[in-house]
């Protein structure tokens, strides 16, 4: 019996050592720069972003606001850390992750929308955070999107259920990364998609009348964030991007929701820019679905946003 226990413990120790080694190699593979989709988080952790103007949000930021256009208008150095499919709970964790390793920005362009105060999906792009869970801000967020708390004590278990990610990480460590068609420049990655008829039809069927998401905990997080930026003299610019006009008519309580955003901006000395009445919203050819602009639409929106920022800077209202 004693020999059996010793053999079992020895076998268990070998398994743990192998798992730790696999986890280390996988994580290193995602941090060596071979995969563009990890470039923004790597830049945050390495402290190489250090931007004057931080563009923050979900895909409505990532695919729609061009840092180069902003920079040319206001003479700044901006960077877009937007990420697809996330509400403010994850956006806040990403901001804290950025702030831990990089200098504070002078200004934040914070994109807001109708899912902003919701809870992020547990399964949407979950694997992108796994290499960075040693960071306490991301780990705290991760436990809210269904990454088990015990991975803090057994980090190699964070890869359970992610065999494809493990293979991709190991291949990258061996110098043979998988193809990655994810392309961003200063975090900005516009899409050339045509109008997605099936996606829009499915959305209309699921949400004939759309109600903005609202979670009290996330709302409190946002107020904490706004107060922190105010205390640190970071100019906050909240931006509601263009939305296709027919969609706006389906949103219940829309004006009340926008009034709430305006009140938050006034309370925390922020600026609120509403582009939902911009002429772009009437032109289907600039969108690929109800709320996402295509490449040309993103160019036009970025230029119009930049013009407003330039006017605010000229008036001494930015930084």
C-alpha atoms as a PDB file:
ATOM      1  CA  UNK A   1       0.000   0.000   0.000  1.00  0.00           C
ATOM      2  CA  UNK A   2       2.818   2.373   0.892  1.00  0.00           C
ATOM      3  CA  UNK A   3       4.556   1.616  -2.412  1.00  0.00           C
ATOM      4  CA  UNK A   4       1.325   2.246  -4.296  1.00  0.00           C
ATOM      5  CA  UNK A   5       0.891   5.632  -2.619  1.00  0.00           C
ATOM      6  CA  UNK A   6       4.486   6.598  -3.372  1.00  0.00           C
ATOM      7  CA  UNK A   7       4.089   5.534  -6.995  1.00  0.00           C
ATOM      8  CA  UNK A   8       0.833   7.468  -7.268  1.00  0.00           C
ATOM      9  CA  UNK A   9       2.363  10.601  -5.756  1.00  0.00           C
ATOM     10  CA  UNK A  10       5.337  10.281  -8.098  1.00  0.00           C
ATOM     11  CA  UNK A  11       3.052   9.890 -11.102  1.00  0.00           C
ATOM     12  CA  UNK A  12       0.964  12.873  -9.986  1.00  0.00           C
ATOM     13  CA  UNK A  13       4.108  14.986  -9.555  1.00  0.00           C
ATOM     14  CA  UNK A  14       5.263  14.102 -13.081  1.00  0.00           C
ATOM     15  CA  UNK A  15       1.847  15.039 -14.502  1.00  0.00           C
ATOM     16  CA  UNK A  16       1.924  18.391 -12.699  1.00  0.00           C
ATOM     17  CA  UNK A  17       5.451  19.124 -13.938  1.00  0.00           C
ATOM     18  CA  UNK A  18       4.400  18.320 -17.511  1.00  0.00           C
ATOM     19  CA  UNK A  19       1.311  20.530 -17.218  1.00  0.00           C
ATOM     20  CA  UNK A  20       3.374  23.412 -15.818  1.00  0.00           C
ATOM     21  CA  UNK A  21       5.865  23.049 -18.673  1.00  0.00           C
ATOM     22  CA  UNK A  22       3.098  22.964 -21.293  1.00  0.00           C
ATOM     23  CA  UNK A  23       1.458  26.018 -19.714  1.00  0.00           C
ATOM     24  CA  UNK A  24       4.771  27.912 -19.686  1.00  0.00           C
ATOM     25  CA  UNK A  25       5.542  27.105 -23.320  1.00  0.00           C
ATOM     26  CA  UNK A  26       1.985  27.962 -24.403  1.00  0.00           C
ATOM     27  CA  UNK A  27       2.003  31.291 -22.584  1.00  0.00           C
ATOM     28  CA  UNK A  28       5.424  32.211 -23.961  1.00  0.00           C
ATOM     29  CA  UNK A  29       4.156  31.427 -27.460  1.00  0.00           C
ATOM     30  CA  UNK A  30       1.434  34.046 -27.176  1.00  0.00           C
ATOM     31  CA  UNK A  31       3.822  36.665 -25.814  1.00  0.00           C
ATOM     32  CA  UNK A  32       6.550  36.444 -28.450  1.00  0.00           C
ATOM     33  CA  UNK A  33       4.783  38.664 -30.992  1.00  0.00           C
ATOM     34  CA  UNK A  34       3.796  36.016 -33.540  1.00  0.00           C
ATOM     35  CA  UNK A  35       0.046  36.556 -33.169  1.00  0.00           C
ATOM     36  CA  UNK A  36      -1.308  40.058 -33.974  1.00  0.00           C
ATOM     37  CA  UNK A  37      -4.517  39.403 -32.009  1.00  0.00           C
ATOM     38  CA  UNK A  38      -2.425  39.402 -28.809  1.00  0.00           C
ATOM     39  CA  UNK A  39      -0.363  42.467 -29.753  1.00  0.00           C
ATOM     40  CA  UNK A  40      -2.423  45.015 -27.811  1.00  0.00           C
ATOM     41  CA  UNK A  41      -2.386  43.073 -24.534  1.00  0.00           C
ATOM     42  CA  UNK A  42       1.314  42.354 -25.001  1.00  0.00           C
ATOM     43  CA  UNK A  43       1.939  46.054 -25.567  1.00  0.00           C
ATOM     44  CA  UNK A  44       0.061  46.888 -22.381  1.00  0.00           C
ATOM     45  CA  UNK A  45       2.020  44.385 -20.304  1.00  0.00           C
ATOM     46  CA  UNK A  46       5.364  45.399 -21.805  1.00  0.00           C
ATOM     47  CA  UNK A  47       4.684  49.079 -21.144  1.00  0.00           C
ATOM     48  CA  UNK A  48       5.274  50.039 -24.768  1.00  0.00           C
ATOM     49  CA  UNK A  49       2.005  51.849 -25.527  1.00  0.00           C
ATOM     50  CA  UNK A  50       2.366  54.920 -23.278  1.00  0.00           C
ATOM     51  CA  UNK A  51      -0.124  56.979 -25.239  1.00  0.00           C
ATOM     52  CA  UNK A  52      -1.423  60.528 -24.794  1.00  0.00           C
ATOM     53  CA  UNK A  53      -4.902  59.629 -26.042  1.00  0.00           C
ATOM     54  CA  UNK A  54      -6.342  56.229 -25.169  1.00  0.00           C
ATOM     55  CA  UNK A  55      -9.261  54.971 -27.268  1.00  0.00           C
ATOM     56  CA  UNK A  56     -11.290  52.513 -25.220  1.00  0.00           C
ATOM     57  CA  UNK A  57     -14.346  50.370 -25.895  1.00  0.00           C
ATOM     58  CA  UNK A  58     -15.525  47.247 -27.688  1.00  0.00           C
ATOM     59  CA  UNK A  59     -15.659  46.600 -31.442  1.00  0.00           C
ATOM     60  CA  UNK A  60     -17.401  49.960 -31.867  1.00  0.00           C
ATOM     61  CA  UNK A  61     -14.038  51.444 -30.902  1.00  0.00           C
ATOM     62  CA  UNK A  62     -11.674  48.904 -32.461  1.00  0.00           C
ATOM     63  CA  UNK A  63     -13.097  48.902 -35.992  1.00  0.00           C
ATOM     64  CA  UNK A  64     -14.355  52.501 -36.166  1.00  0.00           C
ATOM     65  CA  UNK A  65     -11.859  54.976 -34.659  1.00  0.00           C
ATOM     66  CA  UNK A  66      -8.573  55.483 -36.477  1.00  0.00           C
ATOM     67  CA  UNK A  67      -5.790  56.765 -34.178  1.00  0.00           C
ATOM     68  CA  UNK A  68      -3.862  58.170 -37.137  1.00  0.00           C
ATOM     69  CA  UNK A  69      -6.773  60.444 -38.079  1.00  0.00           C
ATOM     70  CA  UNK A  70      -7.094  61.632 -34.476  1.00  0.00           C
ATOM     71  CA  UNK A  71      -3.353  62.283 -34.252  1.00  0.00           C
ATOM     72  CA  UNK A  72      -3.230  64.320 -37.441  1.00  0.00           C
ATOM     73  CA  UNK A  73      -6.067  66.547 -36.215  1.00  0.00           C
ATOM     74  CA  UNK A  74      -4.993  67.297 -32.640  1.00  0.00           C
ATOM     75  CA  UNK A  75      -1.257  66.582 -32.735  1.00  0.00           C
ATOM     76  CA  UNK A  76      -1.479  63.695 -30.305  1.00  0.00           C
ATOM     77  CA  UNK A  77      -0.107  60.193 -29.935  1.00  0.00           C
ATOM     78  CA  UNK A  78      -3.164  57.955 -29.644  1.00  0.00           C
ATOM     79  CA  UNK A  79      -3.752  54.215 -29.410  1.00  0.00           C
ATOM     80  CA  UNK A  80      -6.895  52.100 -29.698  1.00  0.00           C
ATOM     81  CA  UNK A  81      -7.264  49.329 -27.084  1.00  0.00           C
ATOM     82  CA  UNK A  82     -10.828  48.409 -28.069  1.00  0.00           C
ATOM     83  CA  UNK A  83     -11.687  44.711 -28.131  1.00  0.00           C
ATOM     84  CA  UNK A  84     -14.637  42.877 -29.673  1.00  0.00           C
ATOM     85  CA  UNK A  85     -17.619  41.644 -27.715  1.00  0.00           C
ATOM     86  CA  UNK A  86     -16.957  43.216 -24.315  1.00  0.00           C
ATOM     87  CA  UNK A  87     -19.038  45.371 -22.012  1.00  0.00           C
ATOM     88  CA  UNK A  88     -17.551  47.881 -19.588  1.00  0.00           C
ATOM     89  CA  UNK A  89     -16.748  45.240 -16.947  1.00  0.00           C
ATOM     90  CA  UNK A  90     -13.972  43.842 -19.149  1.00  0.00           C
ATOM     91  CA  UNK A  91     -13.102  47.251 -20.598  1.00  0.00           C
ATOM     92  CA  UNK A  92     -12.407  48.497 -17.074  1.00  0.00           C
ATOM     93  CA  UNK A  93     -10.114  45.545 -16.361  1.00  0.00           C
ATOM     94  CA  UNK A  94      -8.241  46.238 -19.591  1.00  0.00           C
ATOM     95  CA  UNK A  95      -7.843  49.885 -18.615  1.00  0.00           C
ATOM     96  CA  UNK A  96      -6.453  48.939 -15.190  1.00  0.00           C
ATOM     97  CA  UNK A  97      -4.107  46.493 -16.915  1.00  0.00           C
ATOM     98  CA  UNK A  98      -2.933  49.291 -19.201  1.00  0.00           C
ATOM     99  CA  UNK A  99      -2.541  51.777 -16.341  1.00  0.00           C
ATOM    100  CA  UNK A 100      -0.435  49.378 -14.259  1.00  0.00           C
ATOM    101  CA  UNK A 101       2.381  49.247 -16.832  1.00  0.00           C
ATOM    102  CA  UNK A 102       2.054  52.452 -18.882  1.00  0.00           C
ATOM    103  CA  UNK A 103       1.970  56.163 -18.119  1.00  0.00           C
ATOM    104  CA  UNK A 104      -1.470  57.663 -17.665  1.00  0.00           C
ATOM    105  CA  UNK A 105      -3.031  59.212 -20.772  1.00  0.00           C
ATOM    106  CA  UNK A 106      -3.949  62.865 -21.017  1.00  0.00           C
ATOM    107  CA  UNK A 107      -7.290  61.976 -22.550  1.00  0.00           C
ATOM    108  CA  UNK A 108      -9.534  58.938 -22.964  1.00  0.00           C
ATOM    109  CA  UNK A 109     -11.984  58.535 -25.826  1.00  0.00           C
ATOM    110  CA  UNK A 110     -14.506  56.169 -24.248  1.00  0.00           C
ATOM    111  CA  UNK A 111     -16.942  54.617 -26.707  1.00  0.00           C
ATOM    112  CA  UNK A 112     -20.375  53.912 -25.218  1.00  0.00           C
ATOM    113  CA  UNK A 113     -23.298  51.915 -26.625  1.00  0.00           C
ATOM    114  CA  UNK A 114     -26.393  49.979 -25.553  1.00  0.00           C
ATOM    115  CA  UNK A 115     -24.496  46.948 -24.217  1.00  0.00           C
ATOM    116  CA  UNK A 116     -22.029  49.124 -22.309  1.00  0.00           C
ATOM    117  CA  UNK A 117     -23.512  48.486 -18.849  1.00  0.00           C
ATOM    118  CA  UNK A 118     -24.086  44.779 -19.458  1.00  0.00           C
ATOM    119  CA  UNK A 119     -22.124  41.697 -18.370  1.00  0.00           C
ATOM    120  CA  UNK A 120     -19.579  40.410 -20.884  1.00  0.00           C
ATOM    121  CA  UNK A 121     -20.126  36.960 -22.356  1.00  0.00           C
ATOM    122  CA  UNK A 122     -18.077  34.202 -20.743  1.00  0.00           C
ATOM    123  CA  UNK A 123     -17.170  32.628 -24.057  1.00  0.00           C
ATOM    124  CA  UNK A 124     -16.402  35.603 -26.302  1.00  0.00           C
ATOM    125  CA  UNK A 125     -12.643  35.774 -26.993  1.00  0.00           C
ATOM    126  CA  UNK A 126     -12.041  34.210 -23.594  1.00  0.00           C
ATOM    127  CA  UNK A 127      -8.729  32.650 -24.652  1.00  0.00           C
ATOM    128  CA  UNK A 128      -7.059  36.009 -25.355  1.00  0.00           C
ATOM    129  CA  UNK A 129      -6.831  36.744 -21.621  1.00  0.00           C
ATOM    130  CA  UNK A 130      -5.418  33.385 -20.517  1.00  0.00           C
ATOM    131  CA  UNK A 131      -1.714  34.273 -20.992  1.00  0.00           C
ATOM    132  CA  UNK A 132      -2.128  37.364 -18.795  1.00  0.00           C
ATOM    133  CA  UNK A 133      -4.015  36.065 -15.756  1.00  0.00           C
ATOM    134  CA  UNK A 134      -1.039  36.621 -13.461  1.00  0.00           C
ATOM    135  CA  UNK A 135      -2.173  40.252 -13.550  1.00  0.00           C
ATOM    136  CA  UNK A 136      -4.580  40.802 -10.615  1.00  0.00           C
ATOM    137  CA  UNK A 137      -6.852  43.183 -12.535  1.00  0.00           C
ATOM    138  CA  UNK A 138      -7.409  40.740 -15.382  1.00  0.00           C
ATOM    139  CA  UNK A 139      -7.698  37.793 -13.004  1.00  0.00           C
ATOM    140  CA  UNK A 140     -10.435  39.488 -10.992  1.00  0.00           C
ATOM    141  CA  UNK A 141     -12.277  40.185 -14.235  1.00  0.00           C
ATOM    142  CA  UNK A 142     -11.708  36.639 -15.474  1.00  0.00           C
ATOM    143  CA  UNK A 143     -13.482  35.087 -12.509  1.00  0.00           C
ATOM    144  CA  UNK A 144     -16.559  37.089 -13.555  1.00  0.00           C
ATOM    145  CA  UNK A 145     -16.501  35.594 -17.060  1.00  0.00           C
ATOM    146  CA  UNK A 146     -16.382  31.998 -15.897  1.00  0.00           C
ATOM    147  CA  UNK A 147     -12.638  31.365 -15.575  1.00  0.00           C
ATOM    148  CA  UNK A 148     -12.356  29.300 -12.351  1.00  0.00           C
ATOM    149  CA  UNK A 149     -10.863  31.056  -9.295  1.00  0.00           C
ATOM    150  CA  UNK A 150      -8.588  28.091  -8.552  1.00  0.00           C
ATOM    151  CA  UNK A 151      -6.472  28.877 -11.606  1.00  0.00           C
ATOM    152  CA  UNK A 152      -4.809  31.456  -9.343  1.00  0.00           C
ATOM    153  CA  UNK A 153      -3.279  28.558  -7.401  1.00  0.00           C
ATOM    154  CA  UNK A 154      -2.954  26.110 -10.302  1.00  0.00           C
ATOM    155  CA  UNK A 155      -2.252  28.382 -13.310  1.00  0.00           C
ATOM    156  CA  UNK A 156      -1.770  25.475 -15.719  1.00  0.00           C
ATOM    157  CA  UNK A 157      -5.463  24.613 -15.330  1.00  0.00           C
ATOM    158  CA  UNK A 158      -6.486  27.833 -17.075  1.00  0.00           C
ATOM    159  CA  UNK A 159      -5.913  26.086 -20.406  1.00  0.00           C
ATOM    160  CA  UNK A 160      -8.475  23.356 -19.755  1.00  0.00           C
ATOM    161  CA  UNK A 161     -11.042  23.292 -22.530  1.00  0.00           C
ATOM    162  CA  UNK A 162      -8.757  25.293 -24.848  1.00  0.00           C
ATOM    163  CA  UNK A 163      -6.838  22.625 -26.819  1.00  0.00           C
ATOM    164  CA  UNK A 164      -6.622  24.774 -29.944  1.00  0.00           C
ATOM    165  CA  UNK A 165      -5.073  27.629 -27.984  1.00  0.00           C
ATOM    166  CA  UNK A 166      -2.518  25.269 -26.420  1.00  0.00           C
ATOM    167  CA  UNK A 167      -1.510  23.947 -29.841  1.00  0.00           C
ATOM    168  CA  UNK A 168      -1.259  27.494 -31.243  1.00  0.00           C
ATOM    169  CA  UNK A 169       0.885  28.642 -28.324  1.00  0.00           C
ATOM    170  CA  UNK A 170       3.245  25.684 -28.535  1.00  0.00           C
ATOM    171  CA  UNK A 171       3.618  26.093 -32.300  1.00  0.00           C
ATOM    172  CA  UNK A 172       4.477  29.752 -31.819  1.00  0.00           C
ATOM    173  CA  UNK A 173       7.098  28.877 -29.194  1.00  0.00           C
ATOM    174  CA  UNK A 174       8.647  26.472 -31.695  1.00  0.00           C
ATOM    175  CA  UNK A 175       8.787  29.191 -34.342  1.00  0.00           C
ATOM    176  CA  UNK A 176       5.952  27.752 -36.413  1.00  0.00           C
ATOM    177  CA  UNK A 177       2.935  29.933 -35.589  1.00  0.00           C
ATOM    178  CA  UNK A 178      -0.431  29.335 -37.171  1.00  0.00           C
ATOM    179  CA  UNK A 179      -1.733  31.808 -39.747  1.00  0.00           C
ATOM    180  CA  UNK A 180      -3.389  34.827 -38.118  1.00  0.00           C
ATOM    181  CA  UNK A 181      -5.421  37.132 -40.359  1.00  0.00           C
ATOM    182  CA  UNK A 182      -6.172  39.516 -37.485  1.00  0.00           C
ATOM    183  CA  UNK A 183      -4.666  42.871 -38.476  1.00  0.00           C
ATOM    184  CA  UNK A 184      -4.484  46.040 -36.393  1.00  0.00           C
ATOM    185  CA  UNK A 185      -2.416  49.212 -36.568  1.00  0.00           C
ATOM    186  CA  UNK A 186      -2.168  51.088 -33.272  1.00  0.00           C
ATOM    187  CA  UNK A 187      -5.027  48.814 -32.217  1.00  0.00           C
ATOM    188  CA  UNK A 188      -7.311  49.915 -35.063  1.00  0.00           C
ATOM    189  CA  UNK A 189      -8.666  47.235 -37.397  1.00  0.00           C
ATOM    190  CA  UNK A 190     -11.426  48.318 -39.814  1.00  0.00           C
ATOM    191  CA  UNK A 191     -13.567  45.777 -41.645  1.00  0.00           C
ATOM    192  CA  UNK A 192     -14.320  45.646 -45.364  1.00  0.00           C
ATOM    193  CA  UNK A 193     -17.523  43.643 -44.904  1.00  0.00           C
ATOM    194  CA  UNK A 194     -20.548  44.145 -47.129  1.00  0.00           C
ATOM    195  CA  UNK A 195     -23.978  44.569 -45.546  1.00  0.00           C
ATOM    196  CA  UNK A 196     -24.659  41.400 -43.509  1.00  0.00           C
ATOM    197  CA  UNK A 197     -28.257  40.679 -44.457  1.00  0.00           C
ATOM    198  CA  UNK A 198     -28.475  37.380 -42.544  1.00  0.00           C
ATOM    199  CA  UNK A 199     -26.905  38.847 -39.392  1.00  0.00           C
ATOM    200  CA  UNK A 200     -29.286  41.793 -39.407  1.00  0.00           C
ATOM    201  CA  UNK A 201     -32.323  39.564 -40.051  1.00  0.00           C
ATOM    202  CA  UNK A 202     -31.330  37.285 -37.172  1.00  0.00           C
ATOM    203  CA  UNK A 203     -30.866  40.280 -34.879  1.00  0.00           C
ATOM    204  CA  UNK A 204     -34.264  41.717 -35.808  1.00  0.00           C
ATOM    205  CA  UNK A 205     -35.940  38.387 -35.126  1.00  0.00           C
ATOM    206  CA  UNK A 206     -34.244  38.036 -31.740  1.00  0.00           C
ATOM    207  CA  UNK A 207     -34.672  41.681 -30.715  1.00  0.00           C
ATOM    208  CA  UNK A 208     -37.769  43.185 -32.370  1.00  0.00           C
ATOM    209  CA  UNK A 209     -37.549  45.819 -29.633  1.00  0.00           C
ATOM    210  CA  UNK A 210     -34.085  46.271 -28.144  1.00  0.00           C
ATOM    211  CA  UNK A 211     -33.634  47.188 -24.471  1.00  0.00           C
ATOM    212  CA  UNK A 212     -30.244  48.613 -23.407  1.00  0.00           C
ATOM    213  CA  UNK A 213     -28.336  46.394 -20.983  1.00  0.00           C
ATOM    214  CA  UNK A 214     -27.921  47.590 -17.408  1.00  0.00           C
ATOM    215  CA  UNK A 215     -26.145  45.924 -14.491  1.00  0.00           C
ATOM    216  CA  UNK A 216     -25.800  47.968 -11.253  1.00  0.00           C
ATOM    217  CA  UNK A 217     -22.333  46.581 -10.510  1.00  0.00           C
ATOM    218  CA  UNK A 218     -21.018  47.612 -13.933  1.00  0.00           C
ATOM    219  CA  UNK A 219     -22.636  51.032 -13.560  1.00  0.00           C
ATOM    220  CA  UNK A 220     -20.803  51.449 -10.248  1.00  0.00           C
ATOM    221  CA  UNK A 221     -17.548  50.399 -11.933  1.00  0.00           C
ATOM    222  CA  UNK A 222     -18.046  53.083 -14.552  1.00  0.00           C
ATOM    223  CA  UNK A 223     -18.645  55.763 -11.946  1.00  0.00           C
ATOM    224  CA  UNK A 224     -15.478  54.651 -10.134  1.00  0.00           C
ATOM    225  CA  UNK A 225     -13.588  54.905 -13.420  1.00  0.00           C
ATOM    226  CA  UNK A 226     -14.963  58.369 -14.183  1.00  0.00           C
ATOM    227  CA  UNK A 227     -14.105  59.625 -10.701  1.00  0.00           C
ATOM    228  CA  UNK A 228     -10.597  58.187 -10.948  1.00  0.00           C
ATOM    229  CA  UNK A 229     -10.003  59.911 -14.287  1.00  0.00           C
ATOM    230  CA  UNK A 230     -11.345  63.176 -12.894  1.00  0.00           C
ATOM    231  CA  UNK A 231      -9.026  62.897  -9.876  1.00  0.00           C
ATOM    232  CA  UNK A 232      -6.052  62.193 -12.158  1.00  0.00           C
ATOM    233  CA  UNK A 233      -6.897  65.124 -14.467  1.00  0.00           C
ATOM    234  CA  UNK A 234      -7.503  62.779 -17.407  1.00  0.00           C
ATOM    235  CA  UNK A 235      -9.917  64.389 -19.848  1.00  0.00           C
ATOM    236  CA  UNK A 236     -12.772  61.973 -20.493  1.00  0.00           C
ATOM    237  CA  UNK A 237     -14.593  62.142 -23.820  1.00  0.00           C
ATOM    238  CA  UNK A 238     -17.567  59.772 -24.042  1.00  0.00           C
ATOM    239  CA  UNK A 239     -18.535  58.990 -27.637  1.00  0.00           C
ATOM    240  CA  UNK A 240     -21.728  57.394 -28.939  1.00  0.00           C
ATOM    241  CA  UNK A 241     -20.795  56.348 -32.495  1.00  0.00           C
ATOM    242  CA  UNK A 242     -23.096  56.405 -35.537  1.00  0.00           C
ATOM    243  CA  UNK A 243     -25.921  53.844 -35.652  1.00  0.00           C
ATOM    244  CA  UNK A 244     -28.017  52.982 -38.682  1.00  0.00           C
ATOM    245  CA  UNK A 245     -31.189  55.054 -38.292  1.00  0.00           C
ATOM    246  CA  UNK A 246     -33.731  52.179 -38.651  1.00  0.00           C
ATOM    247  CA  UNK A 247     -32.057  50.446 -35.696  1.00  0.00           C
ATOM    248  CA  UNK A 248     -32.436  53.492 -33.454  1.00  0.00           C
ATOM    249  CA  UNK A 249     -36.198  53.291 -33.859  1.00  0.00           C
ATOM    250  CA  UNK A 250     -36.226  49.799 -32.306  1.00  0.00           C
ATOM    251  CA  UNK A 251     -34.396  50.776 -29.088  1.00  0.00           C
ATOM    252  CA  UNK A 252     -36.731  51.106 -26.114  1.00  0.00           C
ATOM    253  CA  UNK A 253     -36.007  53.807 -23.512  1.00  0.00           C
ATOM    254  CA  UNK A 254     -33.352  55.183 -25.839  1.00  0.00           C
ATOM    255  CA  UNK A 255     -33.694  58.855 -24.906  1.00  0.00           C
ATOM    256  CA  UNK A 256     -33.695  58.019 -21.209  1.00  0.00           C
ATOM    257  CA  UNK A 257     -30.519  56.000 -21.687  1.00  0.00           C
ATOM    258  CA  UNK A 258     -28.817  58.873 -23.505  1.00  0.00           C
ATOM    259  CA  UNK A 259     -29.972  61.306 -20.811  1.00  0.00           C
ATOM    260  CA  UNK A 260     -28.290  59.064 -18.235  1.00  0.00           C
ATOM    261  CA  UNK A 261     -25.023  59.220 -20.192  1.00  0.00           C
ATOM    262  CA  UNK A 262     -25.276  63.002 -20.435  1.00  0.00           C
ATOM    263  CA  UNK A 263     -25.884  63.255 -16.692  1.00  0.00           C
ATOM    264  CA  UNK A 264     -22.841  61.087 -15.978  1.00  0.00           C
ATOM    265  CA  UNK A 265     -20.726  63.288 -18.232  1.00  0.00           C
ATOM    266  CA  UNK A 266     -21.911  66.426 -16.440  1.00  0.00           C
ATOM    267  CA  UNK A 267     -21.402  64.893 -12.988  1.00  0.00           C
ATOM    268  CA  UNK A 268     -17.791  63.900 -13.659  1.00  0.00           C
ATOM    269  CA  UNK A 269     -16.745  66.838 -15.842  1.00  0.00           C
ATOM    270  CA  UNK A 270     -16.590  64.682 -18.968  1.00  0.00           C
ATOM    271  CA  UNK A 271     -17.544  65.527 -22.545  1.00  0.00           C
ATOM    272  CA  UNK A 272     -20.312  63.585 -24.301  1.00  0.00           C
ATOM    273  CA  UNK A 273     -20.305  63.488 -28.104  1.00  0.00           C
ATOM    274  CA  UNK A 274     -23.410  61.950 -29.699  1.00  0.00           C
ATOM    275  CA  UNK A 275     -22.956  60.888 -33.336  1.00  0.00           C
ATOM    276  CA  UNK A 276     -26.247  58.991 -33.536  1.00  0.00           C
ATOM    277  CA  UNK A 277     -27.805  61.899 -35.464  1.00  0.00           C
ATOM    278  CA  UNK A 278     -24.877  62.333 -37.825  1.00  0.00           C
ATOM    279  CA  UNK A 279     -25.849  62.147 -41.535  1.00  0.00           C
ATOM    280  CA  UNK A 280     -23.778  58.943 -41.771  1.00  0.00           C
ATOM    281  CA  UNK A 281     -26.572  57.178 -39.894  1.00  0.00           C
ATOM    282  CA  UNK A 282     -28.900  57.531 -42.879  1.00  0.00           C
ATOM    283  CA  UNK A 283     -26.576  55.789 -45.332  1.00  0.00           C
ATOM    284  CA  UNK A 284     -26.666  51.994 -45.332  1.00  0.00           C
ATOM    285  CA  UNK A 285     -23.627  51.843 -47.622  1.00  0.00           C
ATOM    286  CA  UNK A 286     -21.377  52.932 -44.738  1.00  0.00           C
ATOM    287  CA  UNK A 287     -22.470  50.086 -42.436  1.00  0.00           C
ATOM    288  CA  UNK A 288     -22.082  46.317 -42.464  1.00  0.00           C
ATOM    289  CA  UNK A 289     -24.751  45.850 -39.791  1.00  0.00           C
ATOM    290  CA  UNK A 290     -26.949  48.046 -37.628  1.00  0.00           C
ATOM    291  CA  UNK A 291     -24.188  49.386 -35.391  1.00  0.00           C
ATOM    292  CA  UNK A 292     -20.868  48.784 -37.175  1.00  0.00           C
ATOM    293  CA  UNK A 293     -19.364  50.992 -39.844  1.00  0.00           C
ATOM    294  CA  UNK A 294     -17.360  49.491 -42.680  1.00  0.00           C
ATOM    295  CA  UNK A 295     -13.909  50.791 -43.623  1.00  0.00           C
ATOM    296  CA  UNK A 296     -15.199  53.816 -45.529  1.00  0.00           C
ATOM    297  CA  UNK A 297     -17.733  54.615 -42.823  1.00  0.00           C
ATOM    298  CA  UNK A 298     -15.016  54.340 -40.169  1.00  0.00           C
ATOM    299  CA  UNK A 299     -12.825  56.753 -42.136  1.00  0.00           C
ATOM    300  CA  UNK A 300     -15.600  59.331 -42.353  1.00  0.00           C
ATOM    301  CA  UNK A 301     -16.575  58.920 -38.702  1.00  0.00           C
ATOM    302  CA  UNK A 302     -12.946  59.202 -37.552  1.00  0.00           C
ATOM    303  CA  UNK A 303     -12.575  62.419 -39.539  1.00  0.00           C
ATOM    304  CA  UNK A 304     -15.750  63.907 -38.038  1.00  0.00           C
ATOM    305  CA  UNK A 305     -14.758  62.891 -34.532  1.00  0.00           C
ATOM    306  CA  UNK A 306     -11.297  64.362 -35.112  1.00  0.00           C
ATOM    307  CA  UNK A 307     -12.811  67.671 -36.261  1.00  0.00           C
ATOM    308  CA  UNK A 308     -14.882  67.925 -33.086  1.00  0.00           C
ATOM    309  CA  UNK A 309     -11.864  67.092 -30.938  1.00  0.00           C
ATOM    310  CA  UNK A 310      -9.818  69.708 -32.766  1.00  0.00           C
ATOM    311  CA  UNK A 311     -12.492  72.324 -32.079  1.00  0.00           C
ATOM    312  CA  UNK A 312     -12.569  71.343 -28.404  1.00  0.00           C
ATOM    313  CA  UNK A 313      -8.789  71.565 -28.190  1.00  0.00           C
ATOM    314  CA  UNK A 314      -8.797  74.990 -29.859  1.00  0.00           C
ATOM    315  CA  UNK A 315     -11.334  76.097 -27.244  1.00  0.00           C
ATOM    316  CA  UNK A 316      -9.038  74.828 -24.493  1.00  0.00           C
ATOM    317  CA  UNK A 317     -11.431  72.073 -23.416  1.00  0.00           C
ATOM    318  CA  UNK A 318      -9.279  68.975 -23.935  1.00  0.00           C
ATOM    319  CA  UNK A 319      -5.879  68.938 -22.237  1.00  0.00           C
END
